């Protein structure tokens, strides 16, 4: 009986190993966070999806085909993610404080892209900002910069 249970768990561990070892690029990490904000209110507005494409194109100088592929991967990862840490840690490794503040500003712009801010979007942005080690002043600075640009 114990052997069968052990074999059962070993089977799933072997299948999951390559997926768990998947390397997350900086572009995908940023895209997942953007997708989390887009998905937060349960409405997938075309303005938000177009805004994500614009952000990724501008931030990483990607082609439309590359952007579409990254967004598709990001949506899948976003739907199956249990936390934000795996994505924010990648950003923390590669981004300066100013770049992290800019990232939160981009999240705010996306949240405002559909014309309304849902409380859950604000909550998710706050959680992400905390994981990016932004203090409250930097968080508010990013929010105000996003409001000014809209």
N, C-alpha and C. Protein backbone atom coordinates (compact mmCIF):
# COMPACT_ATOMS: atom_id res chain seq x y z
N UNK A 1 0.82 -1.19 0.00
CA UNK A 1 0.00 0.00 0.00
C UNK A 1 0.88 1.26 0.00
N UNK A 2 1.87 1.30 0.88
CA UNK A 2 2.75 2.46 0.93
C UNK A 2 3.55 2.60 -0.35
N UNK A 3 3.90 1.50 -0.96
CA UNK A 3 4.63 1.54 -2.22
C UNK A 3 3.80 2.20 -3.30
N UNK A 4 2.51 1.85 -3.36
CA UNK A 4 1.62 2.44 -4.37
C UNK A 4 1.47 3.94 -4.15
N UNK A 5 1.35 4.35 -2.92
CA UNK A 5 1.22 5.78 -2.61
C UNK A 5 2.51 6.51 -2.99
N UNK A 6 3.63 5.89 -2.66
CA UNK A 6 4.92 6.49 -3.00
C UNK A 6 5.08 6.62 -4.52
N UNK A 7 4.70 5.57 -5.26
CA UNK A 7 4.78 5.60 -6.72
C UNK A 7 3.86 6.68 -7.29
N UNK A 8 2.69 6.84 -6.68
CA UNK A 8 1.72 7.85 -7.12
C UNK A 8 2.34 9.25 -7.03
N UNK A 9 2.93 9.57 -5.88
CA UNK A 9 3.53 10.89 -5.71
C UNK A 9 4.78 11.06 -6.56
N UNK A 10 5.55 10.01 -6.74
CA UNK A 10 6.74 10.07 -7.59
C UNK A 10 6.35 10.38 -9.04
N UNK A 11 5.25 9.79 -9.50
CA UNK A 11 4.75 10.03 -10.85
C UNK A 11 4.47 11.51 -11.06
N UNK A 12 3.78 12.14 -10.12
CA UNK A 12 3.46 13.55 -10.25
C UNK A 12 4.68 14.44 -10.08
N UNK A 13 5.60 14.05 -9.23
CA UNK A 13 6.82 14.84 -9.07
C UNK A 13 7.67 14.80 -10.34
N UNK A 14 7.74 13.67 -11.01
CA UNK A 14 8.50 13.57 -12.24
C UNK A 14 7.89 14.43 -13.34
N UNK A 15 6.57 14.44 -13.43
CA UNK A 15 5.90 15.25 -14.45
C UNK A 15 6.01 16.74 -14.16
N UNK A 16 6.02 17.11 -12.91
CA UNK A 16 6.03 18.53 -12.55
C UNK A 16 7.43 19.14 -12.57
N UNK A 17 8.45 18.33 -12.54
CA UNK A 17 9.82 18.85 -12.43
C UNK A 17 10.18 19.84 -13.52
N UNK A 18 9.97 19.54 -14.81
CA UNK A 18 10.36 20.52 -15.82
C UNK A 18 9.58 21.83 -15.70
N UNK A 19 8.31 21.73 -15.32
CA UNK A 19 7.50 22.94 -15.19
C UNK A 19 7.99 23.81 -14.05
N UNK A 20 8.35 23.18 -12.93
CA UNK A 20 8.83 23.94 -11.78
C UNK A 20 10.19 24.57 -12.04
N UNK A 21 10.96 23.96 -12.94
CA UNK A 21 12.30 24.48 -13.23
C UNK A 21 12.29 25.52 -14.35
N UNK A 22 11.10 25.84 -14.84
CA UNK A 22 11.00 26.81 -15.92
C UNK A 22 11.61 28.15 -15.49
N UNK A 23 12.46 28.68 -16.33
CA UNK A 23 13.10 29.94 -16.03
C UNK A 23 12.16 31.07 -16.46
N UNK A 24 11.93 31.99 -15.55
CA UNK A 24 11.04 33.11 -15.84
C UNK A 24 11.91 34.30 -16.22
N UNK A 25 11.68 34.83 -17.41
CA UNK A 25 12.43 35.99 -17.87
C UNK A 25 11.87 37.25 -17.22
N UNK A 26 12.64 38.29 -17.29
CA UNK A 26 12.22 39.58 -16.75
C UNK A 26 10.97 40.08 -17.47
N UNK A 27 10.92 39.89 -18.77
CA UNK A 27 9.75 40.32 -19.55
C UNK A 27 8.49 39.58 -19.11
N UNK A 28 8.61 38.28 -18.90
CA UNK A 28 7.45 37.50 -18.47
C UNK A 28 7.06 37.87 -17.05
N UNK A 29 8.03 38.10 -16.18
CA UNK A 29 7.72 38.49 -14.80
C UNK A 29 6.91 39.78 -14.78
N UNK A 30 7.34 40.76 -15.56
CA UNK A 30 6.60 42.03 -15.64
C UNK A 30 5.22 41.81 -16.25
N UNK A 31 5.15 41.00 -17.29
CA UNK A 31 3.87 40.74 -17.95
C UNK A 31 2.89 40.04 -17.01
N UNK A 32 3.37 39.12 -16.20
CA UNK A 32 2.49 38.42 -15.26
C UNK A 32 1.90 39.41 -14.26
N UNK A 33 2.71 40.32 -13.75
CA UNK A 33 2.19 41.30 -12.80
C UNK A 33 1.16 42.20 -13.46
N UNK A 34 1.40 42.58 -14.69
CA UNK A 34 0.42 43.37 -15.43
C UNK A 34 -0.87 42.57 -15.63
N UNK A 35 -0.73 41.31 -15.96
CA UNK A 35 -1.91 40.45 -16.16
C UNK A 35 -2.70 40.26 -14.86
N UNK A 36 -1.99 40.20 -13.75
CA UNK A 36 -2.67 40.08 -12.46
C UNK A 36 -3.58 41.28 -12.20
N UNK A 37 -3.08 42.46 -12.53
CA UNK A 37 -3.90 43.67 -12.35
C UNK A 37 -5.06 43.65 -13.33
N UNK A 38 -4.80 43.25 -14.57
CA UNK A 38 -5.86 43.20 -15.58
C UNK A 38 -6.95 42.22 -15.18
N UNK A 39 -6.57 41.06 -14.65
CA UNK A 39 -7.52 40.02 -14.29
C UNK A 39 -8.22 40.28 -12.96
N UNK A 40 -7.71 41.19 -12.17
CA UNK A 40 -8.19 41.37 -10.80
C UNK A 40 -9.68 41.64 -10.69
N UNK A 41 -10.21 42.51 -11.52
CA UNK A 41 -11.62 42.88 -11.39
C UNK A 41 -12.56 41.95 -12.17
N UNK A 42 -11.99 40.96 -12.83
CA UNK A 42 -12.82 39.99 -13.55
C UNK A 42 -13.30 40.47 -14.91
N UNK A 43 -12.93 41.68 -15.30
CA UNK A 43 -13.31 42.22 -16.61
C UNK A 43 -12.06 42.34 -17.46
N UNK A 44 -12.10 41.76 -18.64
CA UNK A 44 -10.96 41.85 -19.55
C UNK A 44 -11.27 42.89 -20.62
N UNK A 45 -11.06 44.14 -20.26
CA UNK A 45 -11.35 45.23 -21.19
C UNK A 45 -10.30 45.25 -22.30
N UNK A 46 -10.74 45.47 -23.53
CA UNK A 46 -9.78 45.56 -24.64
C UNK A 46 -8.74 46.66 -24.43
N UNK A 47 -9.14 47.75 -23.76
CA UNK A 47 -8.18 48.84 -23.50
C UNK A 47 -7.03 48.34 -22.63
N UNK A 48 -7.35 47.48 -21.66
CA UNK A 48 -6.31 46.97 -20.76
C UNK A 48 -5.35 46.04 -21.52
N UNK A 49 -5.89 45.17 -22.34
CA UNK A 49 -5.04 44.26 -23.10
C UNK A 49 -4.15 45.04 -24.07
N UNK A 50 -4.72 46.04 -24.72
CA UNK A 50 -3.92 46.86 -25.64
C UNK A 50 -2.86 47.63 -24.86
N UNK A 51 -3.21 48.07 -23.66
CA UNK A 51 -2.26 48.81 -22.83
C UNK A 51 -1.08 47.92 -22.41
N UNK A 52 -1.37 46.66 -22.09
CA UNK A 52 -0.28 45.73 -21.74
C UNK A 52 0.66 45.56 -22.93
N UNK A 53 0.11 45.41 -24.11
CA UNK A 53 0.94 45.28 -25.32
C UNK A 53 1.81 46.50 -25.52
N UNK A 54 1.24 47.69 -25.34
CA UNK A 54 2.00 48.93 -25.49
C UNK A 54 3.13 49.01 -24.47
N UNK A 55 2.82 48.65 -23.23
CA UNK A 55 3.82 48.71 -22.16
C UNK A 55 4.98 47.78 -22.47
N UNK A 56 4.67 46.54 -22.83
CA UNK A 56 5.73 45.56 -23.10
C UNK A 56 6.57 45.96 -24.31
N UNK A 57 5.91 46.48 -25.33
CA UNK A 57 6.64 46.93 -26.52
C UNK A 57 7.59 48.06 -26.17
N UNK A 58 7.11 49.03 -25.39
CA UNK A 58 7.94 50.18 -25.03
C UNK A 58 9.05 49.81 -24.04
N UNK A 59 8.74 48.99 -23.05
CA UNK A 59 9.71 48.66 -22.01
C UNK A 59 10.84 47.77 -22.52
N UNK A 60 10.50 46.84 -23.41
CA UNK A 60 11.48 45.83 -23.79
C UNK A 60 11.81 45.82 -25.29
N UNK A 61 11.30 46.78 -26.05
CA UNK A 61 11.55 46.86 -27.49
C UNK A 61 11.29 45.51 -28.18
N UNK A 62 10.07 45.02 -28.03
CA UNK A 62 9.67 43.73 -28.58
C UNK A 62 8.83 43.91 -29.83
N UNK A 63 8.82 42.88 -30.65
CA UNK A 63 7.95 42.88 -31.83
C UNK A 63 6.54 42.50 -31.39
N UNK A 64 5.54 42.81 -32.21
CA UNK A 64 4.16 42.42 -31.85
C UNK A 64 4.01 40.91 -31.64
N UNK A 65 4.70 40.10 -32.42
CA UNK A 65 4.62 38.64 -32.26
C UNK A 65 5.22 38.21 -30.91
N UNK A 66 6.34 38.82 -30.53
CA UNK A 66 6.96 38.50 -29.25
C UNK A 66 6.05 38.93 -28.10
N UNK A 67 5.43 40.09 -28.23
CA UNK A 67 4.52 40.57 -27.20
C UNK A 67 3.34 39.63 -27.04
N UNK A 68 2.76 39.19 -28.15
CA UNK A 68 1.63 38.26 -28.09
C UNK A 68 2.02 36.96 -27.40
N UNK A 69 3.20 36.45 -27.70
CA UNK A 69 3.68 35.21 -27.08
C UNK A 69 3.90 35.40 -25.58
N UNK A 70 4.51 36.51 -25.20
CA UNK A 70 4.76 36.79 -23.78
C UNK A 70 3.45 36.95 -23.02
N UNK A 71 2.49 37.66 -23.60
CA UNK A 71 1.20 37.83 -22.93
C UNK A 71 0.49 36.49 -22.77
N UNK A 72 0.54 35.65 -23.78
CA UNK A 72 -0.09 34.32 -23.68
C UNK A 72 0.54 33.51 -22.54
N UNK A 73 1.87 33.53 -22.45
CA UNK A 73 2.57 32.82 -21.37
C UNK A 73 2.23 33.45 -20.02
N UNK A 74 2.19 34.77 -19.99
CA UNK A 74 1.93 35.48 -18.74
C UNK A 74 0.53 35.19 -18.21
N UNK A 75 -0.44 35.12 -19.10
CA UNK A 75 -1.80 34.82 -18.66
C UNK A 75 -1.87 33.42 -18.07
N UNK A 76 -1.21 32.45 -18.71
CA UNK A 76 -1.19 31.08 -18.17
C UNK A 76 -0.53 31.05 -16.80
N UNK A 77 0.62 31.71 -16.68
CA UNK A 77 1.32 31.73 -15.39
C UNK A 77 0.49 32.45 -14.34
N UNK A 78 -0.16 33.52 -14.73
CA UNK A 78 -0.98 34.29 -13.81
C UNK A 78 -2.15 33.46 -13.28
N UNK A 79 -2.76 32.69 -14.16
CA UNK A 79 -3.90 31.86 -13.75
C UNK A 79 -3.50 30.76 -12.78
N UNK A 80 -2.25 30.30 -12.84
CA UNK A 80 -1.81 29.19 -12.00
C UNK A 80 -0.90 29.62 -10.85
N UNK A 81 -0.60 30.89 -10.76
CA UNK A 81 0.31 31.38 -9.72
C UNK A 81 -0.37 31.38 -8.36
N UNK A 82 0.38 30.99 -7.35
CA UNK A 82 -0.15 31.02 -5.99
C UNK A 82 0.31 32.27 -5.23
N UNK A 83 1.32 32.92 -5.76
CA UNK A 83 1.80 34.15 -5.14
C UNK A 83 2.53 35.00 -6.19
N UNK A 84 2.97 36.17 -5.77
CA UNK A 84 3.67 37.08 -6.68
C UNK A 84 5.18 37.02 -6.51
N UNK A 85 5.65 36.35 -5.47
CA UNK A 85 7.06 36.41 -5.10
C UNK A 85 7.99 35.97 -6.23
N UNK A 86 7.65 34.88 -6.91
CA UNK A 86 8.54 34.39 -7.97
C UNK A 86 8.74 35.42 -9.07
N UNK A 87 7.77 36.30 -9.25
CA UNK A 87 7.85 37.32 -10.29
C UNK A 87 8.51 38.60 -9.76
N UNK A 88 8.12 39.02 -8.55
CA UNK A 88 8.70 40.23 -8.00
C UNK A 88 10.18 40.04 -7.64
N UNK A 89 10.56 38.83 -7.27
CA UNK A 89 11.97 38.60 -6.94
C UNK A 89 12.85 38.77 -8.18
N UNK A 90 12.34 38.35 -9.34
CA UNK A 90 13.08 38.53 -10.59
C UNK A 90 13.26 40.02 -10.88
N UNK A 91 12.21 40.81 -10.65
CA UNK A 91 12.28 42.25 -10.87
C UNK A 91 13.24 42.89 -9.87
N UNK A 92 13.17 42.46 -8.61
CA UNK A 92 14.07 43.01 -7.59
C UNK A 92 15.53 42.74 -7.92
N UNK A 93 15.82 41.61 -8.55
CA UNK A 93 17.20 41.27 -8.90
C UNK A 93 17.75 42.17 -10.00
N UNK A 94 16.88 42.62 -10.90
CA UNK A 94 17.37 43.31 -12.10
C UNK A 94 17.01 44.80 -12.18
N UNK A 95 16.08 45.26 -11.38
CA UNK A 95 15.63 46.64 -11.47
C UNK A 95 16.15 47.48 -10.32
N UNK A 96 16.46 48.73 -10.64
CA UNK A 96 16.83 49.70 -9.61
C UNK A 96 15.55 50.18 -8.92
N UNK A 97 15.71 50.97 -7.88
CA UNK A 97 14.55 51.51 -7.17
C UNK A 97 13.68 52.33 -8.12
N UNK A 98 14.28 53.17 -8.94
CA UNK A 98 13.51 53.99 -9.87
C UNK A 98 12.74 53.13 -10.86
N UNK A 99 13.36 52.07 -11.33
CA UNK A 99 12.68 51.17 -12.27
C UNK A 99 11.52 50.43 -11.60
N UNK A 100 11.70 50.07 -10.32
CA UNK A 100 10.60 49.41 -9.59
C UNK A 100 9.44 50.38 -9.36
N UNK A 101 9.76 51.63 -9.06
CA UNK A 101 8.72 52.65 -8.91
C UNK A 101 7.99 52.82 -10.25
N UNK A 102 8.74 52.86 -11.34
CA UNK A 102 8.14 52.96 -12.67
C UNK A 102 7.25 51.76 -12.96
N UNK A 103 7.66 50.58 -12.54
CA UNK A 103 6.85 49.37 -12.74
C UNK A 103 5.51 49.51 -12.03
N UNK A 104 5.52 50.01 -10.82
CA UNK A 104 4.27 50.20 -10.07
C UNK A 104 3.43 51.29 -10.74
N UNK A 105 4.07 52.30 -11.27
CA UNK A 105 3.37 53.34 -12.03
C UNK A 105 2.66 52.72 -13.23
N UNK A 106 3.33 51.82 -13.92
CA UNK A 106 2.72 51.13 -15.06
C UNK A 106 1.52 50.29 -14.63
N UNK A 107 1.63 49.67 -13.45
CA UNK A 107 0.49 48.90 -12.93
C UNK A 107 -0.70 49.82 -12.66
N UNK A 108 -0.41 51.00 -12.10
CA UNK A 108 -1.48 51.98 -11.85
C UNK A 108 -2.11 52.44 -13.17
N UNK A 109 -1.29 52.72 -14.16
CA UNK A 109 -1.83 53.15 -15.46
C UNK A 109 -2.76 52.09 -16.04
N UNK A 110 -2.36 50.84 -15.91
CA UNK A 110 -3.18 49.74 -16.40
C UNK A 110 -4.49 49.67 -15.63
N UNK A 111 -4.43 49.84 -14.34
CA UNK A 111 -5.65 49.79 -13.52
C UNK A 111 -6.63 50.89 -13.92
N UNK A 112 -6.11 52.04 -14.31
CA UNK A 112 -6.96 53.17 -14.72
C UNK A 112 -7.34 53.11 -16.20
N UNK A 113 -6.78 52.18 -16.97
CA UNK A 113 -6.98 52.15 -18.42
C UNK A 113 -8.44 51.95 -18.81
N UNK A 114 -9.21 51.22 -18.00
CA UNK A 114 -10.61 50.98 -18.35
C UNK A 114 -11.55 52.05 -17.80
N UNK A 115 -10.98 53.08 -17.21
CA UNK A 115 -11.79 54.20 -16.74
C UNK A 115 -12.27 54.11 -15.30
N UNK A 116 -12.01 52.98 -14.65
CA UNK A 116 -12.41 52.86 -13.25
C UNK A 116 -11.40 52.02 -12.49
N UNK A 117 -11.28 52.33 -11.21
CA UNK A 117 -10.33 51.62 -10.35
C UNK A 117 -11.13 50.75 -9.39
N UNK A 118 -10.96 49.44 -9.49
CA UNK A 118 -11.61 48.51 -8.56
C UNK A 118 -10.74 48.38 -7.31
N UNK A 119 -11.38 48.18 -6.18
CA UNK A 119 -10.66 48.05 -4.92
C UNK A 119 -9.68 46.88 -4.96
N UNK A 120 -10.04 45.80 -5.64
CA UNK A 120 -9.15 44.65 -5.72
C UNK A 120 -7.91 44.97 -6.54
N UNK A 121 -8.04 45.82 -7.55
CA UNK A 121 -6.86 46.24 -8.32
C UNK A 121 -5.90 47.03 -7.42
N UNK A 122 -6.46 47.92 -6.63
CA UNK A 122 -5.64 48.71 -5.71
C UNK A 122 -4.95 47.80 -4.70
N UNK A 123 -5.67 46.81 -4.21
CA UNK A 123 -5.11 45.87 -3.24
C UNK A 123 -3.93 45.09 -3.85
N UNK A 124 -4.11 44.60 -5.06
CA UNK A 124 -3.05 43.82 -5.72
C UNK A 124 -1.83 44.69 -5.98
N UNK A 125 -2.05 45.92 -6.42
CA UNK A 125 -0.91 46.82 -6.66
C UNK A 125 -0.17 47.09 -5.36
N UNK A 126 -0.90 47.23 -4.26
CA UNK A 126 -0.27 47.45 -2.95
C UNK A 126 0.60 46.25 -2.57
N UNK A 127 0.07 45.05 -2.78
CA UNK A 127 0.84 43.83 -2.46
C UNK A 127 2.11 43.75 -3.31
N UNK A 128 1.97 44.05 -4.59
CA UNK A 128 3.13 44.00 -5.48
C UNK A 128 4.16 45.05 -5.06
N UNK A 129 3.69 46.26 -4.75
CA UNK A 129 4.60 47.33 -4.31
C UNK A 129 5.36 46.92 -3.05
N UNK A 130 4.67 46.25 -2.13
CA UNK A 130 5.35 45.78 -0.92
C UNK A 130 6.42 44.75 -1.26
N UNK A 131 6.12 43.85 -2.18
CA UNK A 131 7.10 42.83 -2.58
C UNK A 131 8.26 43.42 -3.39
N UNK A 132 8.04 44.58 -3.97
CA UNK A 132 9.11 45.29 -4.68
C UNK A 132 9.88 46.22 -3.74
N UNK A 133 9.58 46.13 -2.45
CA UNK A 133 10.25 46.89 -1.40
C UNK A 133 10.10 48.39 -1.56
N UNK A 134 8.91 48.82 -1.98
CA UNK A 134 8.64 50.25 -2.05
C UNK A 134 7.99 50.69 -0.74
N UNK A 135 8.41 51.84 -0.24
CA UNK A 135 7.75 52.36 0.95
C UNK A 135 6.47 53.09 0.54
N UNK A 136 5.71 53.54 1.51
CA UNK A 136 4.41 54.14 1.21
C UNK A 136 4.56 55.40 0.34
N UNK A 137 5.57 56.20 0.60
CA UNK A 137 5.77 57.42 -0.18
C UNK A 137 6.04 57.08 -1.65
N UNK A 138 6.85 56.08 -1.90
CA UNK A 138 7.15 55.67 -3.28
C UNK A 138 5.91 55.09 -3.97
N UNK A 139 5.11 54.35 -3.20
CA UNK A 139 3.86 53.79 -3.70
C UNK A 139 2.91 54.90 -4.14
N UNK A 140 2.76 55.91 -3.31
CA UNK A 140 1.88 57.05 -3.62
C UNK A 140 2.46 57.87 -4.77
N UNK A 141 3.77 58.03 -4.81
CA UNK A 141 4.44 58.74 -5.90
C UNK A 141 4.10 58.07 -7.24
N UNK A 142 4.15 56.74 -7.28
CA UNK A 142 3.82 56.00 -8.51
C UNK A 142 2.36 56.19 -8.88
N UNK A 143 1.49 56.18 -7.89
CA UNK A 143 0.06 56.35 -8.14
C UNK A 143 -0.23 57.74 -8.71
N UNK A 144 0.36 58.75 -8.12
CA UNK A 144 0.14 60.13 -8.59
C UNK A 144 0.72 60.35 -9.99
N UNK A 145 1.87 59.74 -10.26
CA UNK A 145 2.46 59.85 -11.60
C UNK A 145 1.55 59.21 -12.63
N UNK A 146 0.93 58.09 -12.29
CA UNK A 146 0.00 57.42 -13.21
C UNK A 146 -1.25 58.27 -13.44
N UNK A 147 -1.74 58.88 -12.39
CA UNK A 147 -2.92 59.75 -12.53
C UNK A 147 -2.61 60.95 -13.42
N UNK A 148 -1.44 61.53 -13.27
CA UNK A 148 -1.06 62.68 -14.08
C UNK A 148 -0.92 62.32 -15.56
N UNK A 149 -0.42 61.11 -15.82
CA UNK A 149 -0.21 60.71 -17.21
C UNK A 149 -1.53 60.32 -17.91
N UNK A 150 -2.55 59.96 -17.12
CA UNK A 150 -3.84 59.63 -17.71
C UNK A 150 -4.61 60.88 -17.88
